[in-house]
Amino acid sequence: MAREPRDVDADEAFQFVLSLHRLLRELRRAAPPDGLPRTQLLVLAKLSRSGPLRIGALAAEVGCSQPTATKVVHAMEEAGLVARGTDADDRRVSYVHVTQPGRRRLRAVVRDESEALVERLGELDQDEVELLLKAGAVMRRLVEPEPADVRQISRETQ
């Protein structure tokens, strides 16, 4: 049985987004990504979800210019977090992909932030925790096109 969508006013949405930003900021402050710049963290997360991308597509997805993406990828290559590969059909085309050390680094950041969240959830009563966990499943539906992606990332972080 389909439910009628609930109207949400702009202030409710604003307050929700603001709360999400505050929570993420607190989690990141409690579990800093060990010197990994935010843009590099975004690149690792995007490539882990999407698979290999061209620099231009990666720049668009991460929200930076192509020259910035090129510099970020170069630094990440030197750190061993990503690598470039060429297209089998067109050797002029290169793709960036996450390496195993890059996946481990991303998992470590997500694990540390998850541990910080567990501590914060410990301050809530059981009903509130259950509500938030259900809300998490709903939020994943809003941002993840395929639930399999979530399960894969979840398995990788364990």
N, C-alpha and C. Protein backbone atom coordinates (compact mmCIF):
# COMPACT_ATOMS: atom_id res chain seq x y z
N MET A 1 0.85 -1.16 0.00
CA MET A 1 0.00 0.00 0.00
C MET A 1 0.90 1.24 0.00
N ALA A 2 0.77 2.07 -1.02
CA ALA A 2 1.59 3.28 -1.13
C ALA A 2 1.07 4.36 -0.21
N ARG A 3 1.97 5.06 0.40
CA ARG A 3 1.61 6.16 1.29
C ARG A 3 1.59 7.46 0.52
N GLU A 4 0.79 8.38 1.01
CA GLU A 4 0.77 9.73 0.45
C GLU A 4 2.04 10.45 0.90
N PRO A 5 2.74 11.11 -0.04
CA PRO A 5 3.92 11.86 0.39
C PRO A 5 3.53 12.99 1.34
N ARG A 6 4.37 13.23 2.32
CA ARG A 6 4.12 14.29 3.29
C ARG A 6 4.74 15.57 2.77
N ASP A 7 4.01 16.67 2.87
CA ASP A 7 4.57 17.96 2.51
C ASP A 7 5.58 18.37 3.58
N VAL A 8 6.71 18.84 3.15
CA VAL A 8 7.73 19.31 4.06
C VAL A 8 7.97 20.77 3.74
N ASP A 9 7.89 21.61 4.77
CA ASP A 9 8.12 23.02 4.48
C ASP A 9 9.62 23.31 4.48
N ALA A 10 9.98 24.44 3.91
CA ALA A 10 11.38 24.81 3.73
C ALA A 10 12.13 24.90 5.05
N ASP A 11 11.47 25.38 6.10
CA ASP A 11 12.15 25.51 7.39
C ASP A 11 12.47 24.14 7.98
N GLU A 12 11.55 23.18 7.86
CA GLU A 12 11.82 21.82 8.34
C GLU A 12 13.01 21.23 7.60
N ALA A 13 13.03 21.39 6.29
CA ALA A 13 14.13 20.86 5.50
C ALA A 13 15.44 21.55 5.88
N PHE A 14 15.39 22.86 6.06
CA PHE A 14 16.57 23.63 6.44
C PHE A 14 17.12 23.13 7.77
N GLN A 15 16.25 22.96 8.76
CA GLN A 15 16.69 22.51 10.08
C GLN A 15 17.27 21.09 10.01
N PHE A 16 16.69 20.24 9.19
CA PHE A 16 17.19 18.88 9.04
C PHE A 16 18.60 18.89 8.42
N VAL A 17 18.76 19.65 7.35
CA VAL A 17 20.07 19.75 6.69
C VAL A 17 21.10 20.33 7.64
N LEU A 18 20.73 21.36 8.36
CA LEU A 18 21.63 21.97 9.33
C LEU A 18 22.07 20.96 10.39
N SER A 19 21.13 20.17 10.88
CA SER A 19 21.46 19.13 11.86
C SER A 19 22.40 18.08 11.28
N LEU A 20 22.17 17.69 10.03
CA LEU A 20 23.07 16.73 9.39
C LEU A 20 24.49 17.28 9.29
N HIS A 21 24.60 18.54 8.87
CA HIS A 21 25.92 19.17 8.76
C HIS A 21 26.62 19.23 10.12
N ARG A 22 25.87 19.61 11.14
CA ARG A 22 26.47 19.69 12.48
C ARG A 22 26.94 18.33 12.97
N LEU A 23 26.12 17.30 12.75
CA LEU A 23 26.49 15.96 13.18
C LEU A 23 27.75 15.50 12.44
N LEU A 24 27.77 15.69 11.13
CA LEU A 24 28.95 15.28 10.35
C LEU A 24 30.19 16.04 10.80
N ARG A 25 30.05 17.33 11.06
CA ARG A 25 31.19 18.12 11.52
C ARG A 25 31.70 17.58 12.85
N GLU A 26 30.78 17.25 13.76
CA GLU A 26 31.19 16.70 15.06
C GLU A 26 31.87 15.34 14.91
N LEU A 27 31.35 14.50 14.03
CA LEU A 27 31.97 13.19 13.81
C LEU A 27 33.36 13.34 13.23
N ARG A 28 33.51 14.26 12.29
CA ARG A 28 34.82 14.48 11.66
C ARG A 28 35.81 15.08 12.66
N ARG A 29 35.29 15.92 13.55
CA ARG A 29 36.15 16.51 14.56
C ARG A 29 36.58 15.44 15.57
N ALA A 30 35.68 14.54 15.91
CA ALA A 30 35.97 13.48 16.87
C ALA A 30 36.87 12.40 16.27
N ALA A 31 36.82 12.24 14.96
CA ALA A 31 37.62 11.21 14.28
C ALA A 31 38.26 11.81 13.04
N PRO A 32 39.27 12.69 13.21
CA PRO A 32 39.87 13.33 12.04
C PRO A 32 40.48 12.30 11.10
N PRO A 33 40.43 12.57 9.80
CA PRO A 33 40.88 11.58 8.81
C PRO A 33 42.40 11.46 8.68
N ASP A 34 43.13 11.67 9.78
CA ASP A 34 44.57 11.41 9.81
C ASP A 34 45.32 12.08 8.67
N GLY A 35 45.13 13.38 8.52
CA GLY A 35 45.88 14.13 7.52
C GLY A 35 45.36 14.02 6.10
N LEU A 36 44.29 13.29 5.90
CA LEU A 36 43.73 13.14 4.56
C LEU A 36 42.85 14.35 4.26
N PRO A 37 43.26 15.19 3.29
CA PRO A 37 42.44 16.36 2.97
C PRO A 37 41.03 15.97 2.53
N ARG A 38 40.09 16.85 2.79
CA ARG A 38 38.67 16.58 2.49
C ARG A 38 38.47 16.21 1.02
N THR A 39 39.13 16.91 0.11
CA THR A 39 38.95 16.61 -1.32
C THR A 39 39.43 15.19 -1.63
N GLN A 40 40.53 14.77 -1.03
CA GLN A 40 41.01 13.41 -1.25
C GLN A 40 40.03 12.39 -0.68
N LEU A 41 39.46 12.70 0.46
CA LEU A 41 38.44 11.82 1.04
C LEU A 41 37.24 11.70 0.11
N LEU A 42 36.81 12.83 -0.47
CA LEU A 42 35.69 12.81 -1.41
C LEU A 42 36.03 11.98 -2.65
N VAL A 43 37.26 12.12 -3.14
CA VAL A 43 37.69 11.35 -4.32
C VAL A 43 37.67 9.85 -4.01
N LEU A 44 38.22 9.47 -2.86
CA LEU A 44 38.21 8.04 -2.50
C LEU A 44 36.79 7.51 -2.39
N ALA A 45 35.91 8.28 -1.75
CA ALA A 45 34.52 7.83 -1.59
C ALA A 45 33.84 7.70 -2.94
N LYS A 46 34.01 8.69 -3.80
CA LYS A 46 33.35 8.67 -5.11
C LYS A 46 33.85 7.49 -5.95
N LEU A 47 35.16 7.32 -6.02
CA LEU A 47 35.72 6.23 -6.83
C LEU A 47 35.35 4.86 -6.26
N SER A 48 35.24 4.77 -4.95
CA SER A 48 34.83 3.49 -4.35
C SER A 48 33.41 3.12 -4.73
N ARG A 49 32.55 4.13 -4.83
CA ARG A 49 31.15 3.88 -5.20
C ARG A 49 30.99 3.67 -6.70
N SER A 50 31.66 4.48 -7.50
CA SER A 50 31.39 4.50 -8.93
C SER A 50 32.29 3.58 -9.74
N GLY A 51 33.47 3.32 -9.24
CA GLY A 51 34.47 2.63 -10.04
C GLY A 51 35.30 3.68 -10.78
N PRO A 52 36.17 3.24 -11.69
CA PRO A 52 37.08 4.16 -12.37
C PRO A 52 36.34 5.28 -13.12
N LEU A 53 36.93 6.49 -13.06
CA LEU A 53 36.38 7.65 -13.75
C LEU A 53 37.49 8.41 -14.45
N ARG A 54 37.11 9.12 -15.51
CA ARG A 54 38.04 10.06 -16.14
C ARG A 54 38.17 11.27 -15.22
N ILE A 55 39.28 11.99 -15.36
CA ILE A 55 39.53 13.15 -14.49
C ILE A 55 38.40 14.17 -14.59
N GLY A 56 37.93 14.47 -15.78
CA GLY A 56 36.86 15.45 -15.95
C GLY A 56 35.58 15.04 -15.23
N ALA A 57 35.22 13.77 -15.34
CA ALA A 57 34.02 13.27 -14.67
C ALA A 57 34.22 13.28 -13.16
N LEU A 58 35.41 12.94 -12.72
CA LEU A 58 35.71 12.95 -11.29
C LEU A 58 35.61 14.38 -10.74
N ALA A 59 36.16 15.34 -11.47
CA ALA A 59 36.09 16.75 -11.05
C ALA A 59 34.64 17.19 -10.90
N ALA A 60 33.81 16.83 -11.87
CA ALA A 60 32.39 17.21 -11.82
C ALA A 60 31.69 16.56 -10.63
N GLU A 61 31.99 15.31 -10.36
CA GLU A 61 31.35 14.59 -9.26
C GLU A 61 31.77 15.13 -7.89
N VAL A 62 33.05 15.51 -7.77
CA VAL A 62 33.57 15.97 -6.49
C VAL A 62 33.28 17.46 -6.29
N GLY A 63 33.05 18.17 -7.39
CA GLY A 63 32.73 19.59 -7.29
C GLY A 63 33.95 20.48 -7.27
N CYS A 64 34.92 20.15 -8.11
CA CYS A 64 36.10 21.00 -8.22
C CYS A 64 36.45 21.15 -9.70
N SER A 65 37.41 22.01 -10.00
CA SER A 65 37.82 22.20 -11.39
C SER A 65 38.67 21.02 -11.85
N GLN A 66 38.80 20.86 -13.16
CA GLN A 66 39.61 19.77 -13.69
C GLN A 66 41.08 19.94 -13.29
N PRO A 67 41.65 21.16 -13.35
CA PRO A 67 43.04 21.31 -12.89
C PRO A 67 43.23 20.93 -11.41
N THR A 68 42.25 21.28 -10.58
CA THR A 68 42.33 20.90 -9.16
C THR A 68 42.26 19.38 -9.02
N ALA A 69 41.36 18.76 -9.75
CA ALA A 69 41.24 17.29 -9.69
C ALA A 69 42.54 16.64 -10.15
N THR A 70 43.16 17.19 -11.18
CA THR A 70 44.42 16.65 -11.67
C THR A 70 45.50 16.72 -10.59
N LYS A 71 45.60 17.85 -9.90
CA LYS A 71 46.58 18.00 -8.82
C LYS A 71 46.29 17.04 -7.66
N VAL A 72 45.01 16.94 -7.30
CA VAL A 72 44.63 16.05 -6.20
C VAL A 72 44.95 14.61 -6.55
N VAL A 73 44.60 14.19 -7.76
CA VAL A 73 44.87 12.82 -8.19
C VAL A 73 46.37 12.56 -8.23
N HIS A 74 47.14 13.52 -8.68
CA HIS A 74 48.60 13.35 -8.72
C HIS A 74 49.16 13.11 -7.31
N ALA A 75 48.72 13.92 -6.35
CA ALA A 75 49.17 13.74 -4.96
C ALA A 75 48.71 12.38 -4.42
N MET A 76 47.50 11.98 -4.77
CA MET A 76 46.99 10.70 -4.30
C MET A 76 47.72 9.53 -4.95
N GLU A 77 48.11 9.70 -6.22
CA GLU A 77 48.91 8.67 -6.88
C GLU A 77 50.24 8.49 -6.17
N GLU A 78 50.87 9.61 -5.84
CA GLU A 78 52.16 9.54 -5.15
C GLU A 78 52.04 8.89 -3.79
N ALA A 79 50.88 9.05 -3.15
CA ALA A 79 50.64 8.43 -1.85
C ALA A 79 50.17 6.98 -1.99
N GLY A 80 49.92 6.54 -3.22
CA GLY A 80 49.49 5.16 -3.45
C GLY A 80 48.01 4.91 -3.21
N LEU A 81 47.22 5.99 -3.11
CA LEU A 81 45.79 5.84 -2.82
C LEU A 81 44.96 5.59 -4.07
N VAL A 82 45.40 6.10 -5.20
CA VAL A 82 44.73 5.88 -6.48
C VAL A 82 45.79 5.57 -7.53
N ALA A 83 45.32 5.07 -8.66
CA ALA A 83 46.21 4.80 -9.80
C ALA A 83 45.45 5.13 -11.07
N ARG A 84 46.19 5.37 -12.11
CA ARG A 84 45.57 5.63 -13.42
C ARG A 84 45.74 4.40 -14.29
N GLY A 85 44.72 4.18 -15.11
CA GLY A 85 44.78 3.10 -16.08
C GLY A 85 44.28 3.64 -17.42
N THR A 86 44.63 2.97 -18.48
CA THR A 86 44.17 3.43 -19.80
C THR A 86 43.02 2.57 -20.29
N ASP A 87 42.23 3.17 -21.16
CA ASP A 87 41.11 2.48 -21.77
C ASP A 87 41.65 1.46 -22.76
N ALA A 88 41.13 0.25 -22.72
CA ALA A 88 41.60 -0.81 -23.62
C ALA A 88 41.33 -0.48 -25.08
N ASP A 89 40.24 0.25 -25.36
CA ASP A 89 39.88 0.58 -26.73
C ASP A 89 40.55 1.86 -27.24
N ASP A 90 40.87 2.78 -26.34
CA ASP A 90 41.47 4.06 -26.73
C ASP A 90 42.55 4.40 -25.72
N ARG A 91 43.79 4.11 -26.06
CA ARG A 91 44.91 4.28 -25.14
C ARG A 91 45.13 5.73 -24.72
N ARG A 92 44.51 6.69 -25.44
CA ARG A 92 44.65 8.10 -25.07
C ARG A 92 43.79 8.46 -23.86
N VAL A 93 42.81 7.64 -23.57
CA VAL A 93 41.88 7.89 -22.47
C VAL A 93 42.40 7.21 -21.21
N SER A 94 42.48 7.99 -20.13
CA SER A 94 42.90 7.38 -18.87
C SER A 94 41.80 7.52 -17.83
N TYR A 95 41.78 6.55 -16.95
CA TYR A 95 40.82 6.49 -15.86
C TYR A 95 41.57 6.44 -14.54
N VAL A 96 40.93 6.97 -13.51
CA VAL A 96 41.49 6.92 -12.16
C VAL A 96 40.69 5.89 -11.38
N HIS A 97 41.38 5.04 -10.64
CA HIS A 97 40.70 4.07 -9.79
C HIS A 97 41.37 4.01 -8.42
N VAL A 98 40.63 3.53 -7.43
CA VAL A 98 41.14 3.40 -6.06
C VAL A 98 42.01 2.16 -5.97
N THR A 99 43.12 2.29 -5.28
CA THR A 99 44.00 1.14 -5.01
C THR A 99 43.58 0.48 -3.69
N GLN A 100 44.14 -0.65 -3.41
CA GLN A 100 43.84 -1.31 -2.13
C GLN A 100 44.23 -0.43 -0.94
N PRO A 101 45.41 0.21 -0.96
CA PRO A 101 45.72 1.12 0.15
C PRO A 101 44.70 2.27 0.26
N GLY A 102 44.19 2.74 -0.87
CA GLY A 102 43.16 3.78 -0.85
C GLY A 102 41.87 3.28 -0.22
N ARG A 103 41.49 2.06 -0.54
CA ARG A 103 40.29 1.47 0.06
C ARG A 103 40.47 1.29 1.57
N ARG A 104 41.65 0.84 1.97
CA ARG A 104 41.91 0.67 3.40
C ARG A 104 41.85 2.01 4.12
N ARG A 105 42.39 3.04 3.50
CA ARG A 105 42.38 4.38 4.12
C ARG A 105 40.95 4.88 4.27
N LEU A 106 40.14 4.71 3.24
CA LEU A 106 38.74 5.13 3.30
C LEU A 106 38.01 4.34 4.38
N ARG A 107 38.21 3.03 4.43
CA ARG A 107 37.57 2.21 5.46
C ARG A 107 37.96 2.67 6.85
N ALA A 108 39.23 3.04 7.03
CA ALA A 108 39.68 3.49 8.35
C ALA A 108 38.97 4.77 8.76
N VAL A 109 38.80 5.70 7.83
CA VAL A 109 38.11 6.96 8.12
C VAL A 109 36.66 6.68 8.47
N VAL A 110 35.99 5.85 7.66
CA VAL A 110 34.58 5.54 7.90
C VAL A 110 34.43 4.79 9.23
N ARG A 111 35.34 3.88 9.51
CA ARG A 111 35.28 3.13 10.78
C ARG A 111 35.44 4.08 11.97
N ASP A 112 36.39 5.01 11.88
CA ASP A 112 36.60 5.95 12.99
C ASP A 112 35.38 6.85 13.19
N GLU A 113 34.79 7.33 12.09
CA GLU A 113 33.60 8.16 12.21
C GLU A 113 32.42 7.34 12.75
N SER A 114 32.34 6.08 12.35
CA SER A 114 31.27 5.21 12.86
C SER A 114 31.42 4.99 14.36
N GLU A 115 32.64 4.81 14.82
CA GLU A 115 32.87 4.63 16.25
C GLU A 115 32.48 5.89 17.02
N ALA A 116 32.77 7.05 16.44
CA ALA A 116 32.37 8.31 17.08
C ALA A 116 30.85 8.41 17.13
N LEU A 117 30.17 7.95 16.08
CA LEU A 117 28.72 7.98 16.06
C LEU A 117 28.14 7.03 17.12
N VAL A 118 28.73 5.86 17.25
CA VAL A 118 28.27 4.90 18.26
C VAL A 118 28.33 5.54 19.65
N GLU A 119 29.40 6.26 19.93
CA GLU A 119 29.50 6.95 21.22
C GLU A 119 28.36 7.95 21.39
N ARG A 120 28.08 8.73 20.34
CA ARG A 120 27.00 9.72 20.42
C ARG A 120 25.65 9.05 20.57
N LEU A 121 25.43 7.94 19.87
CA LEU A 121 24.16 7.23 19.98
C LEU A 121 23.96 6.66 21.38
N GLY A 122 25.06 6.39 22.08
CA GLY A 122 24.97 5.90 23.45
C GLY A 122 24.34 6.91 24.40
N GLU A 123 24.24 8.16 23.98
CA GLU A 123 23.63 9.21 24.80
C GLU A 123 22.10 9.23 24.64
N LEU A 124 21.58 8.45 23.70
CA LEU A 124 20.15 8.46 23.40
C LEU A 124 19.46 7.25 24.01
N ASP A 125 18.13 7.35 24.13
CA ASP A 125 17.41 6.16 24.59
C ASP A 125 17.17 5.22 23.41
N GLN A 126 16.76 4.00 23.69
CA GLN A 126 16.62 2.96 22.67
C GLN A 126 15.66 3.37 21.55
N ASP A 127 14.54 3.99 21.88
CA ASP A 127 13.58 4.41 20.86
C ASP A 127 14.20 5.43 19.90
N GLU A 128 14.98 6.34 20.43
CA GLU A 128 15.62 7.35 19.58
C GLU A 128 16.67 6.71 18.67
N VAL A 129 17.41 5.76 19.20
CA VAL A 129 18.40 5.06 18.39
C VAL A 129 17.71 4.31 17.26
N GLU A 130 16.63 3.59 17.57
CA GLU A 130 15.88 2.85 16.54
C GLU A 130 15.35 3.80 15.47
N LEU A 131 14.85 4.94 15.89
CA LEU A 131 14.33 5.94 14.95
C LEU A 131 15.43 6.43 14.02
N LEU A 132 16.60 6.73 14.57
CA LEU A 132 17.71 7.20 13.74
C LEU A 132 18.20 6.11 12.78
N LEU A 133 18.25 4.88 13.24
CA LEU A 133 18.68 3.80 12.35
C LEU A 133 17.69 3.61 11.20
N LYS A 134 16.41 3.74 11.48
CA LYS A 134 15.40 3.68 10.41
C LYS A 134 15.56 4.87 9.46
N ALA A 135 15.83 6.05 10.04
CA ALA A 135 16.03 7.24 9.21
C ALA A 135 17.25 7.06 8.31
N GLY A 136 18.28 6.39 8.83
CA GLY A 136 19.47 6.12 8.02
C GLY A 136 19.14 5.30 6.79
N ALA A 137 18.29 4.30 6.95
CA ALA A 137 17.88 3.47 5.81
C ALA A 137 17.11 4.31 4.79
N VAL A 138 16.27 5.20 5.26
CA VAL A 138 15.51 6.07 4.36
C VAL A 138 16.46 7.02 3.64
N MET A 139 17.42 7.60 4.36
CA MET A 139 18.37 8.52 3.73
C MET A 139 19.20 7.82 2.66
N ARG A 140 19.58 6.57 2.91
CA ARG A 140 20.31 5.82 1.89
C ARG A 140 19.49 5.69 0.61
N ARG A 141 18.18 5.50 0.76
CA ARG A 141 17.32 5.41 -0.43
C ARG A 141 17.34 6.72 -1.22
N LEU A 142 17.50 7.83 -0.53
CA LEU A 142 17.53 9.13 -1.20
C LEU A 142 18.83 9.36 -1.96
N VAL A 143 19.94 8.78 -1.49
CA VAL A 143 21.23 9.10 -2.08
C VAL A 143 21.90 7.96 -2.82
N GLU A 144 21.52 6.74 -2.56
CA GLU A 144 22.16 5.59 -3.20
C GLU A 144 21.21 4.97 -4.20
N PRO A 145 21.61 4.91 -5.45
CA PRO A 145 20.72 4.34 -6.46
C PRO A 145 20.47 2.85 -6.28
N GLU A 146 21.48 2.13 -5.76
CA GLU A 146 21.32 0.69 -5.61
C GLU A 146 21.73 0.27 -4.21
N PRO A 147 20.84 -0.39 -3.49
CA PRO A 147 21.17 -0.84 -2.13
C PRO A 147 22.41 -1.72 -2.09
N ALA A 148 22.74 -2.41 -3.18
CA ALA A 148 23.92 -3.28 -3.19
C ALA A 148 25.18 -2.47 -2.91
N ASP A 149 25.23 -1.21 -3.36
CA ASP A 149 26.39 -0.35 -3.11
C ASP A 149 26.60 -0.18 -1.62
N VAL A 150 25.52 0.04 -0.89
CA VAL A 150 25.61 0.25 0.55
C VAL A 150 26.11 -1.02 1.22
N ARG A 151 25.56 -2.15 0.82
CA ARG A 151 25.99 -3.41 1.43
C ARG A 151 27.47 -3.65 1.15
N GLN A 152 27.94 -3.36 -0.06
CA GLN A 152 29.33 -3.58 -0.42
C GLN A 152 30.24 -2.69 0.43
N ILE A 153 29.92 -1.40 0.54
CA ILE A 153 30.75 -0.50 1.34
C ILE A 153 30.72 -0.92 2.78
N SER A 154 29.54 -1.34 3.27
CA SER A 154 29.42 -1.78 4.65
C SER A 154 30.32 -2.99 4.91
N ARG A 155 30.33 -3.94 4.00
CA ARG A 155 31.18 -5.13 4.16
C ARG A 155 32.64 -4.72 4.15
N GLU A 156 33.00 -3.77 3.29
CA GLU A 156 34.39 -3.35 3.18
C GLU A 156 34.87 -2.64 4.43
N THR A 157 33.97 -2.00 5.18
CA THR A 157 34.39 -1.26 6.36
C THR A 157 34.55 -2.16 7.58
N GLN A 158 34.15 -3.40 7.48
CA GLN A 158 34.24 -4.30 8.63
C GLN A 158 35.62 -4.93 8.71
